[in-house]
Amino acid sequence: MSLAPRVVLVHRRTELDELVARHGTRGQAEFFLRTRGRDLAEVAEADAALRAALAAASAAIPLDWRRGEVERADLDRFLFTPEDVVVVVGQDGLIANVAKYLDGQPVIGIAPGEPGVLVKHPVDAVADLIRSTTDVEHRTMAQLTADDGQRLLALNEIYLGHAGHQTARYRLGVGGGRVERQASSGILVGTGTGATGWCGSVWRERRSGLPLPAPGESRLVWFVREAWPSPSTGTACTEGELTQAPLTVEVESDRLVAFGDGLEADTVALTRGQTATFAPAAKSVRLVR
């Protein structure tokens, strides 16, 4: 007898939860907000909206189905199974946070307030969507693979640079072609999903002629941030795209770190002489339409 499907609700602590945890009481949290010209009512309203959306999503799960629930902070300790249906209740960034822990499970993005780009469904659509998860759009992920076996996945972008935002030094090459020694503020490798974010900002600022990928494309783009020339470093290779040929980076600093989707707490550390390879990931995120 096969197991019933499991719906896993993913959410993060609200701002109100975090304020009360930091300041001890709701009253102290209110005082803190007032000192910054903010009103507790606004924060409490957002908290109530998320709790109501979670309750409604939970109520929409059939009684004979299994269920689970996980906060963002516990994702790295939660075991997803192949038959899971993942319901993300929150903002777009939460889908990026959970994406690297999944392997083909359908993801439904539920907005407790205004819809986003990835969390686009109202909570009253949960009952229908969890029963019909075949109509999906595939979102490409970026992958970094280190020569010691470390791996990092990201739905938006991966950043590689110095942990203290000092100069990053490395040798950069694409697909076995010309290798250039560089000194820069780091490297960004982004997907079509992340093209409206950090990579898009760099693209606009430098007025790049490189076409950014669409959300469903498997193509990645990469940008070197603030490369500068010297007698030993160049600036000829500062942007490009990745399809088949990977981007390789050999570290020449004592230590560089890579993190994905803005999560600096979850990093891959690389030391002098190590090589990191960037390419489109073999797996994608299956986002239910």
Protein backbone atom coordinates (compact mmCIF):
# COMPACT_ATOMS: atom_id res chain seq x y z
CA MET A 1 0.00 0.00 0.00
CA SER A 2 1.48 3.34 -1.08
CA LEU A 3 1.79 6.24 1.32
CA ALA A 4 -0.61 9.15 1.08
CA PRO A 5 0.94 12.36 -0.22
CA ARG A 6 2.47 14.71 2.33
CA VAL A 7 1.95 18.46 2.20
CA VAL A 8 4.80 20.40 3.81
CA LEU A 9 4.02 23.99 4.83
CA VAL A 10 7.09 26.24 4.71
CA HIS A 11 7.12 29.65 6.39
CA ARG A 12 9.40 31.96 8.31
CA ARG A 13 9.05 33.72 11.62
CA THR A 14 7.23 37.00 11.33
CA GLU A 15 8.80 40.34 12.18
CA LEU A 16 6.62 40.41 15.31
CA ASP A 17 7.98 37.02 16.43
CA GLU A 18 11.54 38.23 15.94
CA LEU A 19 10.92 41.52 17.74
CA VAL A 20 9.38 39.80 20.78
CA ALA A 21 12.21 37.26 20.85
CA ARG A 22 14.76 40.09 20.77
CA HIS A 23 13.10 42.48 23.23
CA GLY A 24 11.35 40.04 25.57
CA THR A 25 7.79 41.34 25.54
CA ARG A 26 5.27 42.74 23.10
CA GLY A 27 5.30 46.03 25.02
CA GLN A 28 9.06 46.39 24.68
CA ALA A 29 8.77 45.58 20.99
CA GLU A 30 6.16 48.33 20.63
CA PHE A 31 8.45 50.82 22.39
CA PHE A 32 11.34 49.88 20.11
CA LEU A 33 9.21 50.42 17.00
CA ARG A 34 7.97 53.80 18.27
CA THR A 35 11.55 55.02 18.65
CA ARG A 36 11.94 54.40 14.93
CA GLY A 37 8.71 56.04 13.89
CA ARG A 38 6.85 52.81 13.29
CA ASP A 39 3.57 51.43 14.61
CA LEU A 40 3.11 48.01 16.19
CA ALA A 41 -0.28 47.73 14.51
CA GLU A 42 1.37 47.45 11.08
CA VAL A 43 3.65 44.63 12.26
CA ALA A 44 0.80 42.88 14.08
CA GLU A 45 -1.37 43.04 10.96
CA ALA A 46 1.30 41.32 8.88
CA ASP A 47 1.71 38.70 11.61
CA ALA A 48 -2.04 38.03 11.68
CA ALA A 49 -2.20 37.77 7.89
CA LEU A 50 0.53 35.12 7.80
CA ARG A 51 -1.02 33.12 10.64
CA ALA A 52 -4.41 33.22 8.96
CA ALA A 53 -2.90 32.09 5.65
CA LEU A 54 -1.08 29.21 7.36
CA ALA A 55 -4.26 28.13 9.14
CA ALA A 56 -6.28 28.25 5.91
CA ALA A 57 -3.61 26.33 3.99
CA SER A 58 -3.48 23.68 6.71
CA ALA A 59 -7.28 23.37 6.70
CA ALA A 60 -7.21 22.77 2.93
CA ILE A 61 -5.11 19.61 3.28
CA PRO A 62 -7.27 16.47 2.99
CA LEU A 63 -7.71 14.68 6.30
CA ASP A 64 -6.29 11.42 4.92
CA TRP A 65 -3.08 13.10 3.68
CA ARG A 66 0.04 13.44 5.76
CA ARG A 67 1.35 16.87 6.68
CA GLY A 68 4.49 18.58 7.88
CA GLU A 69 5.59 22.11 8.73
CA VAL A 70 9.01 23.76 8.81
CA GLU A 71 10.35 27.24 9.47
CA ARG A 72 13.03 28.74 7.27
CA ALA A 73 15.64 28.55 10.02
CA ASP A 74 15.18 24.76 10.23
CA LEU A 75 15.25 23.92 6.52
CA ASP A 76 18.76 22.47 6.64
CA ARG A 77 17.58 19.94 9.25
CA PHE A 78 14.28 18.97 7.63
CA LEU A 79 14.03 15.81 5.53
CA PHE A 80 11.92 16.28 2.40
CA THR A 81 10.70 13.09 0.71
CA PRO A 82 10.00 12.45 -2.99
CA GLU A 83 6.21 12.38 -2.60
CA ASP A 84 6.02 15.75 -0.82
CA VAL A 85 4.01 18.69 -2.09
CA VAL A 86 5.70 21.83 -0.80
CA VAL A 87 3.47 24.81 0.00
CA VAL A 88 5.44 27.98 0.67
CA VAL A 89 3.48 30.65 2.54
CA GLY A 90 5.26 33.99 2.58
CA GLN A 91 7.33 36.07 0.20
CA ASP A 92 9.27 35.26 -2.97
CA GLY A 93 12.59 34.90 -1.15
CA LEU A 94 11.27 31.96 0.84
CA ILE A 95 10.97 29.88 -2.34
CA ALA A 96 14.62 30.64 -3.10
CA ASN A 97 15.51 29.59 0.46
CA VAL A 98 13.80 26.19 0.19
CA ALA A 99 14.72 25.44 -3.44
CA LYS A 100 18.17 23.99 -2.81
CA TYR A 101 16.76 21.41 -0.38
CA LEU A 102 14.34 19.98 -2.94
CA ASP A 103 14.76 17.45 -5.72
CA GLY A 104 11.79 17.59 -8.05
CA GLN A 105 8.99 18.11 -5.54
CA PRO A 106 6.28 20.50 -6.78
CA VAL A 107 6.31 23.90 -5.09
CA ILE A 108 3.20 26.04 -4.59
CA GLY A 109 3.76 29.68 -3.66
CA ILE A 110 1.01 31.20 -1.49
CA ALA A 111 0.89 34.92 -0.78
CA PRO A 112 -0.57 35.97 2.58
CA GLY A 113 -0.90 39.50 1.20
CA GLU A 114 -0.03 40.99 -2.18
CA PRO A 115 1.13 38.32 -4.69
CA GLY A 116 4.75 38.21 -5.76
CA VAL A 117 6.61 36.85 -8.77
CA LEU A 118 6.99 33.34 -7.29
CA VAL A 119 4.34 33.33 -4.56
CA LYS A 120 1.49 34.22 -6.87
CA HIS A 121 -1.49 32.21 -5.60
CA PRO A 122 -4.14 33.23 -3.02
CA VAL A 123 -4.60 30.95 -0.05
CA ASP A 124 -8.04 29.80 -1.20
CA ALA A 125 -6.37 28.11 -4.18
CA VAL A 126 -4.46 25.63 -2.00
CA ALA A 127 -7.14 22.90 -2.00
CA ASP A 128 -7.18 22.71 -5.81
CA LEU A 129 -3.47 23.21 -6.38
CA ILE A 130 -2.26 20.42 -4.09
CA ARG A 131 -4.42 17.96 -6.05
CA SER A 132 -3.18 19.13 -9.45
CA THR A 133 0.58 19.63 -9.48
CA THR A 134 1.41 18.57 -13.03
CA ASP A 135 1.14 22.04 -14.62
CA VAL A 136 4.50 23.47 -13.59
CA GLU A 137 7.12 25.89 -14.82
CA HIS A 138 10.73 24.82 -14.44
CA ARG A 139 13.08 27.36 -12.92
CA THR A 140 16.80 26.81 -13.54
CA MET A 141 19.21 26.86 -10.62
CA ALA A 142 22.87 27.86 -10.54
CA GLN A 143 25.41 25.42 -9.11
CA LEU A 144 28.90 25.86 -7.74
CA THR A 145 31.04 22.73 -7.41
CA ALA A 146 34.37 22.90 -5.59
CA ASP A 147 37.26 20.56 -6.31
CA ASP A 148 36.93 19.09 -2.80
CA GLY A 149 33.30 18.04 -3.40
CA GLN A 150 31.53 20.99 -1.78
CA ARG A 151 28.42 22.07 -3.66
CA LEU A 152 26.16 25.10 -3.54
CA LEU A 153 22.82 25.64 -5.28
CA ALA A 154 20.86 28.86 -5.72
CA LEU A 155 17.65 29.88 -7.44
CA ASN A 156 18.63 33.54 -7.93
CA GLU A 157 22.39 33.93 -7.85
CA ILE A 158 25.65 32.76 -6.31
CA TYR A 159 28.23 35.25 -5.10
CA LEU A 160 31.92 34.37 -4.74
CA GLY A 161 34.22 36.84 -3.04
CA HIS A 162 36.07 37.83 0.10
CA ALA A 163 34.16 37.31 3.36
CA GLY A 164 35.22 40.78 4.57
CA HIS A 165 34.42 42.46 1.25
CA GLN A 166 38.11 43.06 0.59
CA THR A 167 39.81 42.32 -2.72
CA ALA A 168 39.18 38.87 -4.16
CA ARG A 169 42.07 37.47 -6.20
CA TYR A 170 41.67 34.51 -8.55
CA ARG A 171 42.19 33.16 -12.07
CA LEU A 172 39.03 33.06 -14.18
CA GLY A 173 38.36 31.01 -17.31
CA VAL A 174 35.37 29.91 -19.39
CA GLY A 175 35.15 26.51 -21.05
CA GLY A 176 38.85 25.80 -21.14
CA GLY A 177 39.58 29.03 -23.03
CA ARG A 178 41.71 32.01 -22.09
CA VAL A 179 42.39 32.36 -18.36
CA GLU A 180 42.69 35.81 -16.81
CA ARG A 181 44.11 36.69 -13.42
CA GLN A 182 41.79 39.21 -11.74
CA ALA A 183 41.38 41.35 -8.64
CA SER A 184 37.80 42.42 -7.97
CA SER A 185 34.93 42.80 -5.53
CA GLY A 186 33.74 39.31 -6.42
CA ILE A 187 31.80 37.35 -9.01
CA LEU A 188 28.04 36.96 -9.46
CA VAL A 189 26.52 34.03 -11.35
CA GLY A 190 22.78 34.36 -11.84
CA THR A 191 19.72 32.63 -13.29
CA GLY A 192 16.70 33.90 -15.18
CA THR A 193 14.78 34.02 -11.90
CA GLY A 194 17.48 36.21 -10.38
CA ALA A 195 17.83 38.43 -13.46
CA THR A 196 15.51 41.01 -11.91
CA GLY A 197 17.61 41.18 -8.74
CA TRP A 198 21.31 41.56 -8.01
CA CYS A 199 22.53 40.53 -11.47
CA GLY A 200 19.95 42.80 -13.08
CA SER A 201 21.23 45.70 -11.00
CA VAL A 202 24.83 45.12 -12.15
CA TRP A 203 23.62 44.69 -15.75
CA ARG A 204 21.78 48.03 -15.71
CA GLU A 205 24.55 49.94 -13.96
CA ARG A 206 27.21 48.95 -16.51
CA ARG A 207 24.75 49.23 -19.43
CA SER A 208 25.68 45.73 -20.52
CA GLY A 209 24.69 44.47 -23.94
CA LEU A 210 24.54 40.91 -22.63
CA PRO A 211 20.96 39.57 -22.91
CA LEU A 212 19.64 38.49 -19.53
CA PRO A 213 18.00 35.03 -19.42
CA ALA A 214 14.25 34.60 -19.10
CA PRO A 215 12.95 32.82 -15.96
CA GLY A 216 12.59 29.44 -17.68
CA GLU A 217 15.87 29.47 -19.60
CA SER A 218 18.67 27.11 -18.66
CA ARG A 219 21.24 29.79 -19.53
CA LEU A 220 23.12 31.55 -16.73
CA VAL A 221 24.90 34.90 -16.79
CA TRP A 222 27.94 35.99 -14.83
CA PHE A 223 29.42 39.36 -13.90
CA VAL A 224 32.70 40.35 -12.27
CA ARG A 225 32.09 43.21 -9.85
CA GLU A 226 34.49 46.15 -9.97
CA ALA A 227 37.48 44.44 -11.56
CA TRP A 228 40.51 46.67 -11.72
CA PRO A 229 43.69 46.45 -13.80
CA SER A 230 47.23 46.20 -12.50
CA PRO A 231 50.53 44.90 -13.85
CA SER A 232 49.40 41.37 -12.88
CA THR A 233 45.58 41.53 -13.22
CA GLY A 234 43.25 42.24 -16.13
CA THR A 235 39.70 43.35 -16.88
CA ALA A 236 39.06 41.80 -20.29
CA CYS A 237 36.69 39.05 -19.04
CA THR A 238 34.06 40.64 -16.81
CA GLU A 239 30.76 39.18 -18.04
CA GLY A 240 29.35 36.34 -20.07
CA GLU A 241 26.80 33.57 -20.27
CA LEU A 242 26.92 29.88 -19.38
CA THR A 243 25.15 27.09 -21.20
CA GLN A 244 27.41 24.12 -21.89
CA ALA A 245 30.86 25.51 -21.07
CA PRO A 246 31.34 26.13 -17.32
CA LEU A 247 32.98 29.09 -15.60
CA THR A 248 36.03 28.11 -13.55
CA VAL A 249 37.65 30.16 -10.81
CA GLU A 250 40.99 29.23 -9.22
CA VAL A 251 41.39 30.96 -5.86
CA GLU A 252 44.52 33.04 -5.29
CA SER A 253 43.39 34.73 -2.06
CA ASP A 254 43.97 33.03 1.27
CA ARG A 255 40.22 32.44 1.59
CA LEU A 256 37.11 33.23 -0.43
CA VAL A 257 33.51 32.34 0.34
CA ALA A 258 30.48 31.63 -1.83
CA PHE A 259 26.85 31.93 -0.82
CA GLY A 260 23.56 31.67 -2.64
CA ASP A 261 20.42 33.81 -2.64
CA GLY A 262 21.79 36.24 -0.07
CA LEU A 263 22.16 33.66 2.71
CA GLU A 264 25.61 34.57 4.02
CA ALA A 265 25.22 32.15 6.94
CA ASP A 266 25.26 29.19 4.51
CA THR A 267 28.60 29.40 2.74
CA VAL A 268 31.16 27.32 0.89
CA ALA A 269 34.71 28.30 1.87
CA LEU A 270 37.55 28.03 -0.65
CA THR A 271 41.25 28.45 0.11
CA ARG A 272 44.24 29.31 -2.05
CA GLY A 273 44.73 26.87 -4.92
CA GLN A 274 41.20 25.48 -4.88
CA THR A 275 39.00 25.64 -7.96
CA ALA A 276 35.28 26.37 -8.16
CA THR A 277 33.19 25.54 -11.22
CA PHE A 278 29.91 27.30 -12.05
CA ALA A 279 27.25 25.80 -14.34
CA PRO A 280 23.48 25.39 -14.64
CA ALA A 281 22.32 22.80 -12.09
CA ALA A 282 21.04 19.45 -13.30
CA LYS A 283 17.86 19.87 -11.24
CA SER A 284 15.34 22.67 -11.44
CA VAL A 285 12.55 24.01 -9.26
CA ARG A 286 9.09 22.80 -10.29
CA LEU A 287 6.88 25.80 -9.59
CA VAL A 288 3.16 25.01 -9.84
CA ARG A 289 1.46 27.53 -12.12
